[in-house]
Amino acid sequence: MQVLFTFPIGLVFGFAKYKIKNCGYIGVAFGHGLYDFLITLVRMFIA
């Protein structure tokens, strides 16, 4: 089940790194952290 959520997000981050000229690894890492934070908030209020 986790693969169904992880794979598309990985594609989004990979596409961002590939397509956005000024998107470095710091930007991708920040986006990943923001995504994890938001998922944590959603899980706190839903579960």
PDB file of N, CA and C in Angstrom:
ATOM      1  N   MET A   1       0.825  -1.204   0.000  1.00  0.00           N
ATOM      2  CA  MET A   1       0.000   0.000   0.000  1.00  0.00           C
ATOM      3  C   MET A   1       0.865   1.264   0.000  1.00  0.00           C
ATOM      4  N   GLN A   2       1.949   1.213   0.749  1.00  0.00           N
ATOM      5  CA  GLN A   2       2.812   2.396   0.822  1.00  0.00           C
ATOM      6  C   GLN A   2       3.440   2.715  -0.529  1.00  0.00           C
ATOM      7  N   VAL A   3       3.690   1.697  -1.328  1.00  0.00           N
ATOM      8  CA  VAL A   3       4.269   1.921  -2.653  1.00  0.00           C
ATOM      9  C   VAL A   3       3.338   2.767  -3.514  1.00  0.00           C
ATOM     10  N   LEU A   4       2.041   2.582  -3.342  1.00  0.00           N
ATOM     11  CA  LEU A   4       1.077   3.350  -4.128  1.00  0.00           C
ATOM     12  C   LEU A   4       1.140   4.843  -3.829  1.00  0.00           C
ATOM     13  N   PHE A   5       1.574   5.211  -2.641  1.00  0.00           N
ATOM     14  CA  PHE A   5       1.710   6.621  -2.280  1.00  0.00           C
ATOM     15  C   PHE A   5       3.132   7.135  -2.513  1.00  0.00           C
ATOM     16  N   THR A   6       4.124   6.295  -2.271  1.00  0.00           N
ATOM     17  CA  THR A   6       5.513   6.723  -2.353  1.00  0.00           C
ATOM     18  C   THR A   6       5.970   6.911  -3.795  1.00  0.00           C
ATOM     19  N   PHE A   7       5.601   6.009  -4.668  1.00  0.00           N
ATOM     20  CA  PHE A   7       6.056   6.069  -6.054  1.00  0.00           C
ATOM     21  C   PHE A   7       5.641   7.361  -6.763  1.00  0.00           C
ATOM     22  N   PRO A   8       4.362   7.777  -6.710  1.00  0.00           N
ATOM     23  CA  PRO A   8       3.988   9.028  -7.395  1.00  0.00           C
ATOM     24  C   PRO A   8       4.688  10.259  -6.821  1.00  0.00           C
ATOM     25  N   ILE A   9       4.864  10.289  -5.508  1.00  0.00           N
ATOM     26  CA  ILE A   9       5.554  11.434  -4.907  1.00  0.00           C
ATOM     27  C   ILE A   9       7.009  11.460  -5.353  1.00  0.00           C
ATOM     28  N   GLY A  10       7.636  10.297  -5.431  1.00  0.00           N
ATOM     29  CA  GLY A  10       9.005  10.219  -5.941  1.00  0.00           C
ATOM     30  C   GLY A  10       9.091  10.709  -7.385  1.00  0.00           C
ATOM     31  N   LEU A  11       8.101  10.378  -8.184  1.00  0.00           N
ATOM     32  CA  LEU A  11       8.068  10.876  -9.561  1.00  0.00           C
ATOM     33  C   LEU A  11       7.948  12.398  -9.605  1.00  0.00           C
ATOM     34  N   VAL A  12       7.119  12.949  -8.737  1.00  0.00           N
ATOM     35  CA  VAL A  12       6.951  14.407  -8.691  1.00  0.00           C
ATOM     36  C   VAL A  12       8.264  15.078  -8.309  1.00  0.00           C
ATOM     37  N   PHE A  13       8.936  14.576  -7.275  1.00  0.00           N
ATOM     38  CA  PHE A  13      10.205  15.170  -6.858  1.00  0.00           C
ATOM     39  C   PHE A  13      11.275  14.995  -7.933  1.00  0.00           C
ATOM     40  N   GLY A  14      11.315  13.847  -8.566  1.00  0.00           N
ATOM     41  CA  GLY A  14      12.276  13.629  -9.645  1.00  0.00           C
ATOM     42  C   GLY A  14      12.016  14.528 -10.833  1.00  0.00           C
ATOM     43  N   PHE A  15      10.752  14.691 -11.188  1.00  0.00           N
ATOM     44  CA  PHE A  15      10.384  15.573 -12.291  1.00  0.00           C
ATOM     45  C   PHE A  15      10.751  17.017 -11.969  1.00  0.00           C
ATOM     46  N   ALA A  16      10.517  17.434 -10.726  1.00  0.00           N
ATOM     47  CA  ALA A  16      10.870  18.801 -10.318  1.00  0.00           C
ATOM     48  C   ALA A  16      12.376  19.014 -10.434  1.00  0.00           C
ATOM     49  N   LYS A  17      13.156  18.046  -9.985  1.00  0.00           N
ATOM     50  CA  LYS A  17      14.614  18.168 -10.054  1.00  0.00           C
ATOM     51  C   LYS A  17      15.075  18.213 -11.501  1.00  0.00           C
ATOM     52  N   TYR A  18      14.423  17.457 -12.357  1.00  0.00           N
ATOM     53  CA  TYR A  18      14.823  17.376 -13.761  1.00  0.00           C
ATOM     54  C   TYR A  18      14.402  18.611 -14.559  1.00  0.00           C
ATOM     55  N   LYS A  19      13.197  19.104 -14.329  1.00  0.00           N
ATOM     56  CA  LYS A  19      12.630  20.158 -15.170  1.00  0.00           C
ATOM     57  C   LYS A  19      12.905  21.581 -14.694  1.00  0.00           C
ATOM     58  N   ILE A  20      12.915  21.799 -13.388  1.00  0.00           N
ATOM     59  CA  ILE A  20      13.081  23.157 -12.868  1.00  0.00           C
ATOM     60  C   ILE A  20      14.568  23.463 -12.799  1.00  0.00           C
ATOM     61  N   LYS A  21      14.976  24.491 -13.510  1.00  0.00           N
ATOM     62  CA  LYS A  21      16.396  24.794 -13.666  1.00  0.00           C
ATOM     63  C   LYS A  21      17.093  25.082 -12.342  1.00  0.00           C
ATOM     64  N   ASN A  22      16.490  25.863 -11.482  1.00  0.00           N
ATOM     65  CA  ASN A  22      17.129  26.251 -10.225  1.00  0.00           C
ATOM     66  C   ASN A  22      16.737  25.355  -9.055  1.00  0.00           C
ATOM     67  N   CYS A  23      16.143  24.230  -9.323  1.00  0.00           N
ATOM     68  CA  CYS A  23      15.719  23.324  -8.256  1.00  0.00           C
ATOM     69  C   CYS A  23      16.874  22.382  -7.926  1.00  0.00           C
ATOM     70  N   GLY A  24      17.568  22.681  -6.839  1.00  0.00           N
ATOM     71  CA  GLY A  24      18.673  21.830  -6.406  1.00  0.00           C
ATOM     72  C   GLY A  24      18.189  20.794  -5.418  1.00  0.00           C
ATOM     73  N   TYR A  25      19.138  20.061  -4.888  1.00  0.00           N
ATOM     74  CA  TYR A  25      18.786  19.026  -3.930  1.00  0.00           C
ATOM     75  C   TYR A  25      18.219  19.613  -2.636  1.00  0.00           C
ATOM     76  N   ILE A  26      18.627  20.820  -2.316  1.00  0.00           N
ATOM     77  CA  ILE A  26      18.081  21.483  -1.117  1.00  0.00           C
ATOM     78  C   ILE A  26      16.589  21.747  -1.302  1.00  0.00           C
ATOM     79  N   GLY A  27      16.198  22.188  -2.478  1.00  0.00           N
ATOM     80  CA  GLY A  27      14.781  22.435  -2.761  1.00  0.00           C
ATOM     81  C   GLY A  27      13.954  21.159  -2.716  1.00  0.00           C
ATOM     82  N   VAL A  28      14.509  20.083  -3.264  1.00  0.00           N
ATOM     83  CA  VAL A  28      13.804  18.804  -3.235  1.00  0.00           C
ATOM     84  C   VAL A  28      13.699  18.294  -1.804  1.00  0.00           C
ATOM     85  N   ALA A  29      14.780  18.445  -1.030  1.00  0.00           N
ATOM     86  CA  ALA A  29      14.760  18.017   0.370  1.00  0.00           C
ATOM     87  C   ALA A  29      13.743  18.834   1.170  1.00  0.00           C
ATOM     88  N   PHE A  30      13.667  20.130   0.909  1.00  0.00           N
ATOM     89  CA  PHE A  30      12.684  20.971   1.585  1.00  0.00           C
ATOM     90  C   PHE A  30      11.262  20.546   1.214  1.00  0.00           C
ATOM     91  N   GLY A  31      11.026  20.283  -0.061  1.00  0.00           N
ATOM     92  CA  GLY A  31       9.711  19.816  -0.498  1.00  0.00           C
ATOM     93  C   GLY A  31       9.341  18.488   0.141  1.00  0.00           C
ATOM     94  N   HIS A  32      10.305  17.606   0.262  1.00  0.00           N
ATOM     95  CA  HIS A  32      10.071  16.307   0.896  1.00  0.00           C
ATOM     96  C   HIS A  32       9.727  16.486   2.369  1.00  0.00           C
ATOM     97  N   GLY A  33      10.440  17.363   3.047  1.00  0.00           N
ATOM     98  CA  GLY A  33      10.153  17.634   4.457  1.00  0.00           C
ATOM     99  C   GLY A  33       8.777  18.239   4.644  1.00  0.00           C
ATOM    100  N   LEU A  34       8.415  19.152   3.768  1.00  0.00           N
ATOM    101  CA  LEU A  34       7.088  19.770   3.830  1.00  0.00           C
ATOM    102  C   LEU A  34       5.998  18.728   3.592  1.00  0.00           C
ATOM    103  N   TYR A  35       6.217  17.859   2.642  1.00  0.00           N
ATOM    104  CA  TYR A  35       5.265  16.779   2.366  1.00  0.00           C
ATOM    105  C   TYR A  35       5.107  15.877   3.590  1.00  0.00           C
ATOM    106  N   ASP A  36       6.232  15.478   4.202  1.00  0.00           N
ATOM    107  CA  ASP A  36       6.169  14.622   5.392  1.00  0.00           C
ATOM    108  C   ASP A  36       5.436  15.312   6.541  1.00  0.00           C
ATOM    109  N   PHE A  37       5.689  16.602   6.709  1.00  0.00           N
ATOM    110  CA  PHE A  37       5.028  17.362   7.763  1.00  0.00           C
ATOM    111  C   PHE A  37       3.514  17.401   7.538  1.00  0.00           C
ATOM    112  N   LEU A  38       3.103  17.661   6.305  1.00  0.00           N
ATOM    113  CA  LEU A  38       1.670  17.732   6.014  1.00  0.00           C
ATOM    114  C   LEU A  38       0.998  16.378   6.175  1.00  0.00           C
ATOM    115  N   ILE A  39       1.673  15.310   5.767  1.00  0.00           N
ATOM    116  CA  ILE A  39       1.117  13.968   5.942  1.00  0.00           C
ATOM    117  C   ILE A  39       0.958  13.659   7.430  1.00  0.00           C
ATOM    118  N   THR A  40       1.919  14.082   8.239  1.00  0.00           N
ATOM    119  CA  THR A  40       1.833  13.870   9.687  1.00  0.00           C
ATOM    120  C   THR A  40       0.625  14.604  10.268  1.00  0.00           C
ATOM    121  N   LEU A  41       0.414  15.845   9.840  1.00  0.00           N
ATOM    122  CA  LEU A  41      -0.751  16.602  10.321  1.00  0.00           C
ATOM    123  C   LEU A  41      -2.063  15.926   9.914  1.00  0.00           C
ATOM    124  N   VAL A  42      -2.142  15.463   8.687  1.00  0.00           N
ATOM    125  CA  VAL A  42      -3.362  14.803   8.214  1.00  0.00           C
ATOM    126  C   VAL A  42      -3.620  13.540   9.022  1.00  0.00           C
ATOM    127  N   ARG A  43      -2.577  12.776   9.255  1.00  0.00           N
ATOM    128  CA  ARG A  43      -2.752  11.532  10.028  1.00  0.00           C
ATOM    129  C   ARG A  43      -3.178  11.815  11.465  1.00  0.00           C
ATOM    130  N   MET A  44      -2.707  12.914  12.044  1.00  0.00           N
ATOM    131  CA  MET A  44      -3.092  13.245  13.422  1.00  0.00           C
ATOM    132  C   MET A  44      -4.582  13.551  13.517  1.00  0.00           C
ATOM    133  N   PHE A  45      -5.137  14.208  12.508  1.00  0.00           N
ATOM    134  CA  PHE A  45      -6.535  14.611  12.577  1.00  0.00           C
ATOM    135  C   PHE A  45      -7.496  13.573  12.041  1.00  0.00           C
ATOM    136  N   ILE A  46      -7.014  12.665  11.196  1.00  0.00           N
ATOM    137  CA  ILE A  46      -7.891  11.644  10.640  1.00  0.00           C
ATOM    138  C   ILE A  46      -7.911  10.395  11.515  1.00  0.00           C
ATOM    139  N   ALA A  47      -6.749   9.969  11.962  1.00  0.00           N
ATOM    140  CA  ALA A  47      -6.678   8.702  12.711  1.00  0.00           C
ATOM    141  C   ALA A  47      -6.997   8.850  14.138  1.00  0.00           C
TER     142      ALA A  47
END
